[in-house]
Amino acid sequence: MQQAHDLPQSVDLLVIGGGINGAGIARDAAGRGLSVLLVEKDDLASHTSSASTKLIHGGLRYLEYGEVRLVRESLQERERLWGMAPHIIWPLRFVLPQTQSPRPGWMVRMGLFLYDHIGGRKRLPKTETVRLDKARQGEGLADRKGKGFVYSDCWVEDARLVVLNAMSAVEHGAVVKTRTRFVSALREGSRWAATVEDAHGVHTVEAGAIVNTAGPWVSAVIGQIANARPKGQVRLIKGSHIIVPRLYPGDHAFMLQNPDRRIVFAIPYEHEFTLVGTTDVPCADIPEKAEISEEEIAYLLDTANRYFEKDTTRDDIAWTYSGVRPLFDDQAKNASAVTRDYVLDLDRGAGEEAPLLNVFGGKITTYRRLAEHAMEELALPRAGNAWTAGATLPGGDFADFEDYLVGLARAHPKLPHDLLRRLARAYGTKAEVIIGKARTLADMGEDFGGGLTQSEVDYLTVHEWARSAEDVLWRRSKMGLHAPDGTYERLCGHFNGYAPTG
């Protein structure tokens, strides 16, 4: 892990923002031989990129709005990303009941036919039609009449995907600094003079190019850059989710169609829970921490209770999370219809040098292609060729997850199998770094609760920029849902004695 004094004085590329787009661009650029500095004012994935619906998907509903290019590119990336990070990405079957659909069955089936065929699907199973009263996929539904369509997409641990891209960027020579705020920048000749601030003070960094991936703050950052000339503007849409006790049996997800034609997903979550979301609510201002509203809670509960036998109330909610999506403003009247495609706004200034690239929109599934397109737009003279397609992310260097888990359990027979599975799912082959020479659970140090050990916390601190209890419990993991009372306070005590360096 880099130390505070590692902040470089001069780089080829300065990336502002540590969400998925910033981390992906930093990784791509560093792998092309460029010197890169990424600065993030908070933690990696601390805002929008940890508040998604956790899907690597084409976006079936986007076909309804004519977003064929976006859907095709997303579907092409789906299996590629699965192969790059099989520990944090895996296949998921989705059931789309027609029992309460505002769309005719022929329309849905036509959309699913396109979904199966325009993206080069190879490993994922194709769509099938089932009778909900006969098929196991109908269990738990309040109304099992009629048919449902079953199709494929993938699940992702979104915040971990960001961290793995940042780790890979560092492996290729980038410098990644969290808790480091971008202050300002101005062109000086053919380069940028940028000012950033961290716990150690204010620093000046010279950069050949700047990429603004500040997410909801993209326009605010533009305002901090002298003579910036953006061609577009951001439109902020809040999306919220609720986590409730399991609503139905099985490992499949549901795509639920509401009378207002909006879509809500119900997805198995952390073994014991169901994730329900998302909403699409216009957002005028950027909250420092986005929070779900009572209206959004009511909307998601109404959706769940309309479809499932199990009655769910406000008191059943175990956790909520919200994020503000920085979409490109295409003037759509309906928040759900605003394009999820990304827009790259290149500003080369009067001298056609010292480029500034502002990134609007995008979705997790297309982050890698967005990064490639960003490098094409910048056209930096020292940059090498594209390389990320198929290049595994840290911990993803194995062929089959279950086979890897069997080998890990064989190598560590005295460690609890549930712990090994969780570590393998979160860290892949990097789990072996956490385990080290430990033979028993006691060898892994203090148990903070729920199997979260000192060895794991140390790994997250040294290798993954964790600096707080929230970083560990809610972004690097979802142990906050499982850990007993007292774990948060004990972790706070641990980090209070730690001097941040990255």
Protein backbone atom coordinates (compact mmCIF):
# COMPACT_ATOMS: atom_id res chain seq x y z
CA MET A 1 0.00 0.00 0.00
CA GLN A 2 1.27 3.44 -0.88
CA GLN A 3 2.22 5.89 1.84
CA ALA A 4 1.38 9.60 2.06
CA HIS A 5 4.80 10.64 0.82
CA ASP A 6 4.17 8.64 -2.37
CA LEU A 7 1.99 11.42 -3.81
CA PRO A 8 3.68 12.11 -7.15
CA GLN A 9 4.59 15.61 -8.32
CA SER A 10 4.00 14.87 -12.00
CA VAL A 11 1.87 12.29 -13.84
CA ASP A 12 0.59 11.60 -17.32
CA LEU A 13 -2.99 11.30 -16.08
CA LEU A 14 -4.88 12.59 -13.04
CA VAL A 15 -8.18 10.78 -12.38
CA ILE A 16 -10.68 12.51 -10.08
CA GLY A 17 -13.13 10.14 -8.39
CA GLY A 18 -12.79 6.63 -6.99
CA GLY A 19 -15.97 5.02 -8.27
CA ILE A 20 -16.09 2.26 -10.85
CA ASN A 21 -15.38 4.52 -13.84
CA GLY A 22 -12.43 6.22 -12.17
CA ALA A 23 -10.91 2.96 -10.96
CA GLY A 24 -11.46 1.34 -14.36
CA ILE A 25 -9.81 4.23 -16.25
CA ALA A 26 -6.87 4.33 -13.81
CA ARG A 27 -6.33 0.59 -14.32
CA ASP A 28 -6.57 0.80 -18.10
CA ALA A 29 -4.21 3.79 -18.34
CA ALA A 30 -1.62 2.35 -15.94
CA GLY A 31 -1.57 -0.91 -17.89
CA ARG A 32 -0.79 1.08 -21.04
CA GLY A 33 2.41 2.38 -19.43
CA LEU A 34 1.14 5.79 -18.29
CA SER A 35 1.88 7.31 -14.90
CA VAL A 36 -1.46 7.72 -13.13
CA LEU A 37 -2.74 9.35 -9.95
CA LEU A 38 -6.31 8.70 -8.78
CA VAL A 39 -7.71 10.87 -5.98
CA GLU A 40 -10.95 10.20 -4.12
CA LYS A 41 -12.30 12.56 -1.47
CA ASP A 42 -13.87 9.74 0.56
CA ASP A 43 -13.48 5.95 0.35
CA LEU A 44 -13.41 3.96 -2.88
CA ALA A 45 -16.98 3.22 -4.03
CA SER A 46 -18.33 5.22 -1.12
CA HIS A 47 -21.25 6.67 -3.08
CA THR A 48 -22.98 5.59 -6.31
CA SER A 49 -20.76 2.60 -7.10
CA SER A 50 -21.66 0.79 -3.88
CA ALA A 51 -25.36 1.62 -4.18
CA SER A 52 -26.29 -0.28 -7.34
CA THR A 53 -28.67 -3.22 -7.72
CA LYS A 54 -25.50 -5.40 -7.89
CA LEU A 55 -26.08 -6.64 -11.43
CA ILE A 56 -23.87 -7.23 -14.44
CA HIS A 57 -26.65 -7.13 -16.99
CA GLY A 58 -27.68 -5.95 -20.40
CA GLY A 59 -30.58 -3.96 -19.03
CA LEU A 60 -33.63 -5.65 -20.54
CA ARG A 61 -35.89 -2.68 -19.82
CA TYR A 62 -33.60 -0.33 -21.76
CA LEU A 63 -34.73 -2.01 -25.00
CA GLU A 64 -38.13 -0.44 -24.38
CA TYR A 65 -36.49 2.99 -24.61
CA GLY A 66 -34.54 2.18 -27.78
CA GLU A 67 -31.15 1.83 -26.06
CA VAL A 68 -30.09 -1.04 -28.33
CA ARG A 69 -26.41 0.02 -28.55
CA LEU A 70 -26.11 0.20 -24.76
CA VAL A 71 -27.82 -3.15 -24.29
CA ARG A 72 -25.66 -4.85 -26.90
CA GLU A 73 -22.43 -3.51 -25.40
CA SER A 74 -23.58 -4.47 -21.90
CA LEU A 75 -24.43 -8.01 -23.00
CA GLN A 76 -21.05 -8.34 -24.70
CA GLU A 77 -19.34 -7.33 -21.46
CA ARG A 78 -21.46 -9.58 -19.21
CA GLU A 79 -19.64 -12.89 -19.73
CA ARG A 80 -16.28 -11.16 -20.21
CA LEU A 81 -16.48 -9.59 -16.74
CA TRP A 82 -17.65 -12.88 -15.24
CA GLY A 83 -14.49 -14.50 -16.59
CA MET A 84 -12.31 -11.67 -15.24
CA ALA A 85 -13.65 -11.85 -11.68
CA PRO A 86 -15.42 -15.19 -11.07
CA HIS A 87 -15.14 -14.78 -7.31
CA ILE A 88 -17.32 -11.64 -7.14
CA ILE A 89 -19.39 -12.16 -10.33
CA TRP A 90 -21.58 -15.19 -10.98
CA PRO A 91 -24.64 -16.18 -13.06
CA LEU A 92 -28.15 -15.53 -11.83
CA ARG A 93 -31.47 -16.64 -13.34
CA PHE A 94 -34.30 -14.11 -13.37
CA VAL A 95 -38.00 -14.92 -13.35
CA LEU A 96 -40.27 -12.41 -15.06
CA PRO A 97 -43.89 -13.21 -14.09
CA GLN A 98 -46.61 -12.21 -16.53
CA THR A 99 -49.31 -12.39 -13.87
CA GLN A 100 -49.41 -8.61 -13.33
CA SER A 101 -47.57 -7.40 -16.40
CA PRO A 102 -48.62 -4.11 -18.05
CA ARG A 103 -46.85 -5.39 -21.19
CA PRO A 104 -48.30 -8.11 -23.43
CA GLY A 105 -46.52 -11.45 -23.38
CA TRP A 106 -45.51 -11.26 -27.05
CA MET A 107 -43.70 -7.96 -26.42
CA VAL A 108 -41.78 -9.35 -23.46
CA ARG A 109 -40.87 -12.52 -25.33
CA MET A 110 -39.65 -10.52 -28.33
CA GLY A 111 -37.47 -8.41 -26.05
CA LEU A 112 -36.03 -11.54 -24.46
CA PHE A 113 -35.33 -13.04 -27.90
CA LEU A 114 -33.24 -9.97 -28.74
CA TYR A 115 -31.63 -10.14 -25.29
CA ASP A 116 -30.52 -13.71 -25.96
CA HIS A 117 -29.09 -13.02 -29.42
CA ILE A 118 -27.60 -9.53 -29.78
CA GLY A 119 -24.81 -9.85 -27.23
CA GLY A 120 -22.91 -13.00 -28.16
CA ARG A 121 -24.17 -15.13 -25.24
CA LYS A 122 -22.01 -18.27 -24.92
CA ARG A 123 -21.99 -19.69 -21.38
CA LEU A 124 -25.23 -18.39 -19.91
CA PRO A 125 -28.41 -20.42 -20.49
CA LYS A 126 -31.06 -18.99 -22.81
CA THR A 127 -34.57 -17.86 -21.95
CA GLU A 128 -37.25 -20.44 -21.17
CA THR A 129 -40.98 -20.16 -20.52
CA VAL A 130 -42.47 -21.82 -17.42
CA ARG A 131 -45.91 -22.33 -15.89
CA LEU A 132 -45.73 -20.60 -12.54
CA ASP A 133 -48.17 -23.04 -10.88
CA LYS A 134 -45.99 -26.01 -11.86
CA ALA A 135 -42.42 -24.68 -11.78
CA ARG A 136 -40.34 -24.24 -8.66
CA GLN A 137 -39.68 -20.65 -9.78
CA GLY A 138 -43.28 -19.81 -8.91
CA GLU A 139 -42.92 -20.75 -5.23
CA GLY A 140 -43.54 -17.83 -2.92
CA LEU A 141 -45.58 -15.80 -5.40
CA ALA A 142 -49.02 -14.66 -4.31
CA ASP A 143 -50.46 -15.32 -7.77
CA ARG A 144 -49.12 -18.37 -9.60
CA LYS A 145 -51.53 -18.27 -12.52
CA GLY A 146 -50.21 -18.09 -16.03
CA LYS A 147 -46.65 -18.12 -17.25
CA GLY A 148 -43.31 -16.57 -16.51
CA PHE A 149 -40.15 -16.07 -18.52
CA VAL A 150 -36.80 -17.17 -17.07
CA TYR A 151 -33.66 -15.49 -18.42
CA SER A 152 -30.01 -15.02 -17.46
CA ASP A 153 -27.84 -12.18 -16.18
CA CYS A 154 -25.05 -11.94 -13.58
CA TRP A 155 -24.62 -10.74 -10.01
CA VAL A 156 -21.68 -8.61 -8.83
CA GLU A 157 -20.28 -7.39 -5.54
CA ASP A 158 -20.20 -3.80 -6.80
CA ALA A 159 -17.96 -2.11 -4.22
CA ARG A 160 -15.48 -4.97 -4.41
CA LEU A 161 -15.32 -4.61 -8.20
CA VAL A 162 -14.18 -1.01 -7.68
CA VAL A 163 -11.53 -2.01 -5.15
CA LEU A 164 -10.19 -4.80 -7.37
CA ASN A 165 -9.79 -2.37 -10.27
CA ALA A 166 -7.95 0.04 -7.98
CA MET A 167 -5.69 -2.79 -6.77
CA SER A 168 -4.96 -3.77 -10.36
CA ALA A 169 -4.18 -0.15 -11.21
CA VAL A 170 -1.62 -0.07 -8.40
CA GLU A 171 -0.13 -3.36 -9.56
CA HIS A 172 0.48 -1.62 -12.90
CA GLY A 173 2.14 1.38 -11.29
CA ALA A 174 -0.72 3.80 -10.53
CA VAL A 175 -0.96 5.75 -7.29
CA VAL A 176 -4.40 5.64 -5.63
CA LYS A 177 -5.14 8.10 -2.83
CA THR A 178 -8.37 7.99 -0.84
CA ARG A 179 -9.44 10.75 1.56
CA THR A 180 -7.73 13.12 -0.89
CA ARG A 181 -9.83 15.97 -2.26
CA PHE A 182 -9.40 17.62 -5.64
CA VAL A 183 -9.30 21.40 -5.09
CA SER A 184 -8.60 23.07 -8.44
CA ALA A 185 -6.71 22.92 -11.73
CA LEU A 186 -5.58 25.30 -14.44
CA ARG A 187 -3.72 24.85 -17.68
CA GLU A 188 -0.11 25.98 -17.69
CA GLY A 189 1.23 25.62 -21.19
CA SER A 190 0.69 22.06 -22.39
CA ARG A 191 0.03 20.60 -18.92
CA TRP A 192 -2.25 20.94 -15.95
CA ALA A 193 -1.32 22.32 -12.54
CA ALA A 194 -3.73 20.62 -10.13
CA THR A 195 -4.16 21.14 -6.40
CA VAL A 196 -5.26 18.33 -4.09
CA GLU A 197 -5.66 18.18 -0.32
CA ASP A 198 -5.27 15.31 2.14
CA ALA A 199 -4.70 14.92 5.88
CA HIS A 200 -1.11 16.07 5.42
CA GLY A 201 -1.92 19.33 3.67
CA VAL A 202 -2.29 20.86 0.21
CA HIS A 203 -0.21 19.53 -2.70
CA THR A 204 0.37 20.54 -6.30
CA VAL A 205 0.45 17.87 -8.99
CA GLU A 206 1.38 18.42 -12.61
CA ALA A 207 -0.60 16.31 -15.10
CA GLY A 208 -0.66 15.87 -18.85
CA ALA A 209 -4.41 15.14 -18.81
CA ILE A 210 -7.31 15.07 -16.37
CA VAL A 211 -10.27 12.71 -16.31
CA ASN A 212 -13.26 13.84 -14.24
CA THR A 213 -15.15 10.77 -12.99
CA ALA A 214 -16.57 12.48 -9.91
CA GLY A 215 -20.01 10.93 -10.39
CA PRO A 216 -22.74 13.13 -8.91
CA TRP A 217 -20.08 15.81 -8.35
CA VAL A 218 -18.93 15.87 -12.00
CA SER A 219 -20.38 19.33 -12.59
CA ALA A 220 -18.97 20.64 -9.30
CA VAL A 221 -15.50 19.48 -10.32
CA ILE A 222 -15.89 21.17 -13.71
CA GLY A 223 -16.56 24.38 -11.78
CA GLN A 224 -13.20 23.98 -10.00
CA ILE A 225 -11.25 23.77 -13.27
CA ALA A 226 -10.23 27.09 -14.82
CA ASN A 227 -11.76 27.79 -18.25
CA ALA A 228 -13.42 24.37 -18.51
CA ARG A 229 -15.95 24.25 -21.33
CA PRO A 230 -18.35 21.32 -20.80
CA LYS A 231 -20.70 20.39 -23.62
CA GLY A 232 -23.22 18.58 -21.43
CA GLN A 233 -24.69 18.55 -17.98
CA VAL A 234 -25.56 15.94 -15.41
CA ARG A 235 -29.04 14.84 -14.37
CA LEU A 236 -29.26 13.36 -10.90
CA ILE A 237 -31.55 10.40 -10.24
CA LYS A 238 -31.71 8.71 -6.84
CA GLY A 239 -32.09 4.96 -6.65
CA SER A 240 -32.92 3.23 -3.35
CA HIS A 241 -33.11 -0.37 -2.13
CA ILE A 242 -34.41 -2.21 0.91
CA ILE A 243 -33.06 -5.43 2.40
CA VAL A 244 -35.69 -7.69 4.02
CA PRO A 245 -35.83 -11.30 5.29
CA ARG A 246 -36.08 -13.83 2.45
CA LEU A 247 -39.34 -13.51 0.52
CA TYR A 248 -39.21 -16.83 -1.36
CA PRO A 249 -37.18 -20.05 -1.66
CA GLY A 250 -34.59 -20.65 -4.34
CA ASP A 251 -31.48 -18.93 -5.67
CA HIS A 252 -33.19 -17.15 -8.56
CA ALA A 253 -34.18 -13.49 -8.77
CA PHE A 254 -37.42 -11.85 -9.88
CA MET A 255 -37.98 -8.96 -12.28
CA LEU A 256 -41.26 -7.40 -11.16
CA GLN A 257 -43.35 -5.21 -13.46
CA ASN A 258 -45.41 -2.53 -11.76
CA PRO A 259 -48.62 -0.92 -13.03
CA ASP A 260 -46.68 2.32 -13.70
CA ARG A 261 -44.43 0.24 -16.03
CA ARG A 262 -41.43 0.66 -13.75
CA ILE A 263 -39.28 -2.35 -12.91
CA VAL A 264 -38.27 -3.56 -9.45
CA PHE A 265 -35.93 -6.50 -8.80
CA ALA A 266 -36.14 -9.00 -5.93
CA ILE A 267 -32.77 -10.73 -5.54
CA PRO A 268 -31.34 -13.27 -3.07
CA TYR A 269 -28.96 -11.36 -0.80
CA GLU A 270 -26.41 -12.53 1.75
CA HIS A 271 -28.12 -15.94 2.14
CA GLU A 272 -30.75 -14.79 4.64
CA PHE A 273 -32.24 -11.77 2.87
CA THR A 274 -33.90 -10.44 -0.28
CA LEU A 275 -32.79 -7.21 -1.92
CA VAL A 276 -35.70 -5.18 -3.35
CA GLY A 277 -35.07 -2.22 -5.65
CA THR A 278 -34.55 0.13 -7.28
CA THR A 279 -36.45 3.40 -7.42
CA ASP A 280 -35.98 6.28 -9.86
CA VAL A 281 -36.48 9.62 -8.12
CA PRO A 282 -35.33 13.00 -9.51
CA CYS A 283 -32.74 14.57 -7.22
CA ALA A 284 -32.25 18.34 -7.25
CA ASP A 285 -29.31 18.54 -4.86
CA ILE A 286 -26.47 16.17 -4.00
CA PRO A 287 -26.71 14.90 -0.43
CA GLU A 288 -23.41 14.01 1.21
CA LYS A 289 -25.02 10.67 2.01
CA ALA A 290 -28.07 9.67 -0.01
CA GLU A 291 -30.94 8.21 2.06
CA ILE A 292 -34.17 6.47 1.18
CA SER A 293 -37.41 8.41 1.64
CA GLU A 294 -40.59 7.12 3.24
CA GLU A 295 -42.28 7.33 -0.16
CA GLU A 296 -39.61 5.08 -1.69
CA ILE A 297 -39.94 2.61 1.19
CA ALA A 298 -43.71 2.48 0.67
CA TYR A 299 -43.27 1.97 -3.09
CA LEU A 300 -40.86 -0.95 -2.67
CA LEU A 301 -42.93 -2.58 0.09
CA ASP A 302 -46.08 -2.24 -2.02
CA THR A 303 -44.29 -3.94 -4.91
CA ALA A 304 -43.05 -6.81 -2.74
CA ASN A 305 -46.47 -7.33 -1.17
CA ARG A 306 -48.23 -7.20 -4.53
CA TYR A 307 -46.15 -10.12 -5.83
CA PHE A 308 -45.23 -12.32 -2.86
CA GLU A 309 -47.25 -14.37 -0.39
CA LYS A 310 -45.16 -13.25 2.54
CA ASP A 311 -46.36 -9.97 4.01
CA THR A 312 -43.52 -7.51 4.57
CA THR A 313 -43.76 -4.38 6.72
CA ARG A 314 -41.59 -1.41 7.58
CA ASP A 315 -40.43 -3.24 10.72
CA ASP A 316 -39.01 -6.11 8.64
CA ILE A 317 -36.45 -3.94 6.86
CA ALA A 318 -32.94 -4.94 7.94
CA TRP A 319 -31.09 -2.25 5.97
CA THR A 320 -31.58 0.34 3.26
CA TYR A 321 -29.15 2.01 0.91
CA SER A 322 -29.41 4.74 -1.69
CA GLY A 323 -27.23 6.26 -4.37
CA VAL A 324 -27.42 9.22 -6.71
CA ARG A 325 -26.81 8.31 -10.34
CA PRO A 326 -25.03 10.98 -12.40
CA LEU A 327 -26.83 10.45 -15.72
CA PHE A 328 -26.34 12.52 -18.85
CA ASP A 329 -29.24 14.95 -19.20
CA ASP A 330 -31.00 13.92 -22.41
CA GLN A 331 -34.12 15.94 -21.50
CA ALA A 332 -36.30 12.85 -20.97
CA LYS A 333 -39.42 13.70 -18.98
CA ASN A 334 -39.60 10.33 -17.18
CA ALA A 335 -36.75 9.63 -14.74
CA SER A 336 -36.86 5.93 -15.65
CA ALA A 337 -36.39 6.81 -19.32
CA VAL A 338 -33.24 8.92 -18.88
CA THR A 339 -30.41 7.28 -20.81
CA ARG A 340 -28.07 5.02 -18.82
CA ASP A 341 -25.53 5.25 -21.63
CA TYR A 342 -22.31 7.11 -20.95
CA VAL A 343 -21.21 10.33 -22.61
CA LEU A 344 -17.55 11.36 -22.82
CA ASP A 345 -17.14 15.14 -22.99
CA LEU A 346 -13.62 16.02 -24.23
CA ASP A 347 -12.28 19.55 -23.70
CA ARG A 348 -8.84 20.18 -25.23
CA GLY A 349 -8.75 23.91 -24.57
CA ALA A 350 -7.68 26.58 -27.01
CA GLY A 351 -4.28 25.02 -27.67
CA GLU A 352 -5.56 21.48 -28.25
CA GLU A 353 -3.32 20.33 -25.39
CA ALA A 354 -3.78 19.36 -21.74
CA PRO A 355 -7.07 17.53 -22.36
CA LEU A 356 -9.89 17.35 -19.82
CA LEU A 357 -12.33 14.46 -20.17
CA ASN A 358 -15.62 14.70 -18.25
CA VAL A 359 -17.53 11.44 -17.85
CA PHE A 360 -21.32 11.55 -17.60
CA GLY A 361 -23.51 8.53 -16.89
CA GLY A 362 -22.56 4.93 -17.46
CA LYS A 363 -23.33 1.73 -15.58
CA ILE A 364 -21.20 -0.83 -13.81
CA THR A 365 -21.54 -3.39 -16.61
CA THR A 366 -19.94 -1.11 -19.21
CA TYR A 367 -17.18 0.38 -17.07
CA ARG A 368 -14.37 -1.50 -18.84
CA ARG A 369 -15.50 -0.44 -22.32
CA LEU A 370 -16.02 3.11 -21.04
CA ALA A 371 -12.38 3.10 -19.89
CA GLU A 372 -11.21 1.92 -23.31
CA HIS A 373 -13.27 4.60 -25.03
CA ALA A 374 -11.91 7.23 -22.63
CA MET A 375 -8.35 6.31 -23.58
CA GLU A 376 -9.28 6.47 -27.27
CA GLU A 377 -10.74 9.95 -26.77
CA LEU A 378 -7.69 11.21 -24.86
CA ALA A 379 -5.28 9.73 -27.44
CA LEU A 380 -2.29 10.34 -25.16
CA PRO A 381 0.93 9.91 -27.17
CA ARG A 382 2.71 7.61 -24.69
CA ALA A 383 -0.23 5.26 -24.19
CA GLY A 384 0.12 1.64 -25.26
CA ASN A 385 -2.56 -0.60 -26.70
CA ALA A 386 -5.83 -1.72 -25.11
CA TRP A 387 -5.25 -4.72 -22.85
CA THR A 388 -8.02 -5.20 -20.27
CA ALA A 389 -10.35 -7.53 -22.23
CA GLY A 390 -10.01 -10.87 -20.47
CA ALA A 391 -7.26 -9.73 -18.08
CA THR A 392 -8.28 -11.14 -14.70
CA LEU A 393 -8.76 -8.91 -11.70
CA PRO A 394 -6.92 -9.61 -8.42
CA GLY A 395 -8.03 -12.94 -6.96
CA GLY A 396 -9.82 -14.03 -10.13
CA ASP A 397 -7.10 -16.34 -11.45
CA PHE A 398 -8.99 -19.64 -11.25
CA ALA A 399 -11.27 -21.50 -13.64
CA ASP A 400 -14.14 -22.75 -11.47
CA PHE A 401 -15.19 -21.36 -8.10
CA GLU A 402 -16.39 -24.62 -6.56
CA ASP A 403 -13.22 -26.42 -7.63
CA TYR A 404 -11.10 -23.65 -6.13
CA LEU A 405 -13.09 -23.82 -2.88
CA VAL A 406 -12.56 -27.58 -2.65
CA GLY A 407 -8.80 -27.06 -2.95
CA LEU A 408 -8.83 -24.27 -0.37
CA ALA A 409 -10.75 -26.45 2.10
CA ARG A 410 -8.35 -29.33 1.50
CA ALA A 411 -5.39 -27.07 2.24
CA HIS A 412 -6.98 -25.69 5.43
CA PRO A 413 -9.01 -28.56 6.95
CA LYS A 414 -9.24 -27.03 10.43
CA LEU A 415 -10.78 -23.73 9.31
CA PRO A 416 -14.60 -23.44 9.24
CA HIS A 417 -15.98 -24.20 5.77
CA ASP A 418 -18.42 -21.26 5.91
CA LEU A 419 -15.49 -18.92 6.58
CA LEU A 420 -13.49 -20.36 3.69
CA ARG A 421 -16.44 -19.98 1.33
CA ARG A 422 -16.98 -16.36 2.35
CA LEU A 423 -13.28 -15.53 1.99
CA ALA A 424 -13.09 -17.26 -1.40
CA ARG A 425 -16.19 -15.40 -2.63
CA ALA A 426 -14.86 -12.03 -1.51
CA TYR A 427 -11.15 -12.36 -2.27
CA GLY A 428 -10.68 -15.32 -4.62
CA THR A 429 -7.09 -16.53 -4.52
CA LYS A 430 -6.18 -13.54 -2.32
CA ALA A 431 -7.95 -15.42 0.49
CA GLU A 432 -4.69 -17.33 0.88
CA VAL A 433 -2.92 -14.06 1.73
CA ILE A 434 -5.44 -13.48 4.53
CA ILE A 435 -5.13 -17.02 5.86
CA GLY A 436 -1.36 -17.02 5.61
CA LYS A 437 0.12 -19.71 7.85
CA ALA A 438 -2.99 -19.99 10.04
CA ARG A 439 -4.07 -23.54 10.80
CA THR A 440 -7.01 -22.75 13.08
CA LEU A 441 -9.41 -19.85 13.50
CA ALA A 442 -7.52 -18.77 16.63
CA ASP A 443 -4.39 -18.34 14.51
CA MET A 444 -6.10 -15.57 12.52
CA GLY A 445 -6.18 -13.24 15.50
CA GLU A 446 -8.97 -11.42 17.25
CA ASP A 447 -12.50 -12.31 16.14
CA PHE A 448 -14.39 -9.03 15.80
CA GLY A 449 -17.63 -10.98 15.45
CA GLY A 450 -19.28 -13.18 12.87
CA GLY A 451 -15.96 -14.62 11.72
CA LEU A 452 -14.37 -11.25 10.89
CA THR A 453 -10.79 -11.74 12.12
CA GLN A 454 -7.79 -9.55 12.71
CA SER A 455 -6.07 -11.16 9.71
CA GLU A 456 -8.89 -10.06 7.40
CA VAL A 457 -9.06 -6.54 8.83
CA ASP A 458 -5.29 -6.19 8.49
CA TYR A 459 -5.49 -7.31 4.87
CA LEU A 460 -8.24 -4.78 4.13
CA THR A 461 -6.22 -2.04 5.80
CA VAL A 462 -2.92 -2.81 4.08
CA HIS A 463 -4.14 -3.81 0.60
CA GLU A 464 -7.64 -2.37 0.15
CA TRP A 465 -7.59 1.16 1.63
CA ALA A 466 -10.01 0.35 4.49
CA ARG A 467 -9.83 3.14 7.07
CA SER A 468 -13.04 2.81 9.07
CA ALA A 469 -15.54 0.33 10.44
CA GLU A 470 -17.98 1.35 7.70
CA ASP A 471 -15.38 0.65 5.00
CA VAL A 472 -15.01 -2.90 6.34
CA LEU A 473 -18.59 -3.78 7.28
CA TRP A 474 -20.56 -2.19 4.43
CA ARG A 475 -18.26 -1.78 1.41
CA ARG A 476 -15.43 -4.33 1.50
CA SER A 477 -18.00 -6.78 2.86
CA LYS A 478 -21.63 -6.88 3.97
CA MET A 479 -20.66 -8.24 7.38
CA GLY A 480 -22.68 -5.41 8.89
CA LEU A 481 -25.78 -7.55 8.26
CA HIS A 482 -24.34 -10.54 10.10
CA ALA A 483 -21.97 -9.32 12.79
CA PRO A 484 -23.27 -9.25 16.38
CA ASP A 485 -23.77 -6.15 18.51
CA GLY A 486 -20.46 -4.62 19.48
CA THR A 487 -18.57 -5.41 16.26
CA TYR A 488 -18.95 -1.89 14.89
CA GLU A 489 -17.75 -0.31 18.12
CA ARG A 490 -14.75 -2.65 18.36
CA LEU A 491 -13.74 -1.87 14.79
CA CYS A 492 -14.11 1.85 15.47
CA GLY A 493 -11.71 1.42 18.38
CA HIS A 494 -9.30 -0.43 16.13
CA PHE A 495 -9.28 2.29 13.47
CA ASN A 496 -9.15 5.14 15.98
CA GLY A 497 -5.65 3.98 16.81
CA TYR A 498 -4.63 3.75 13.17
CA ALA A 499 -2.87 6.56 11.34
CA PRO A 500 -4.22 6.75 7.75
CA THR A 501 -1.59 6.70 5.02
CA GLY A 502 -3.49 6.20 1.75
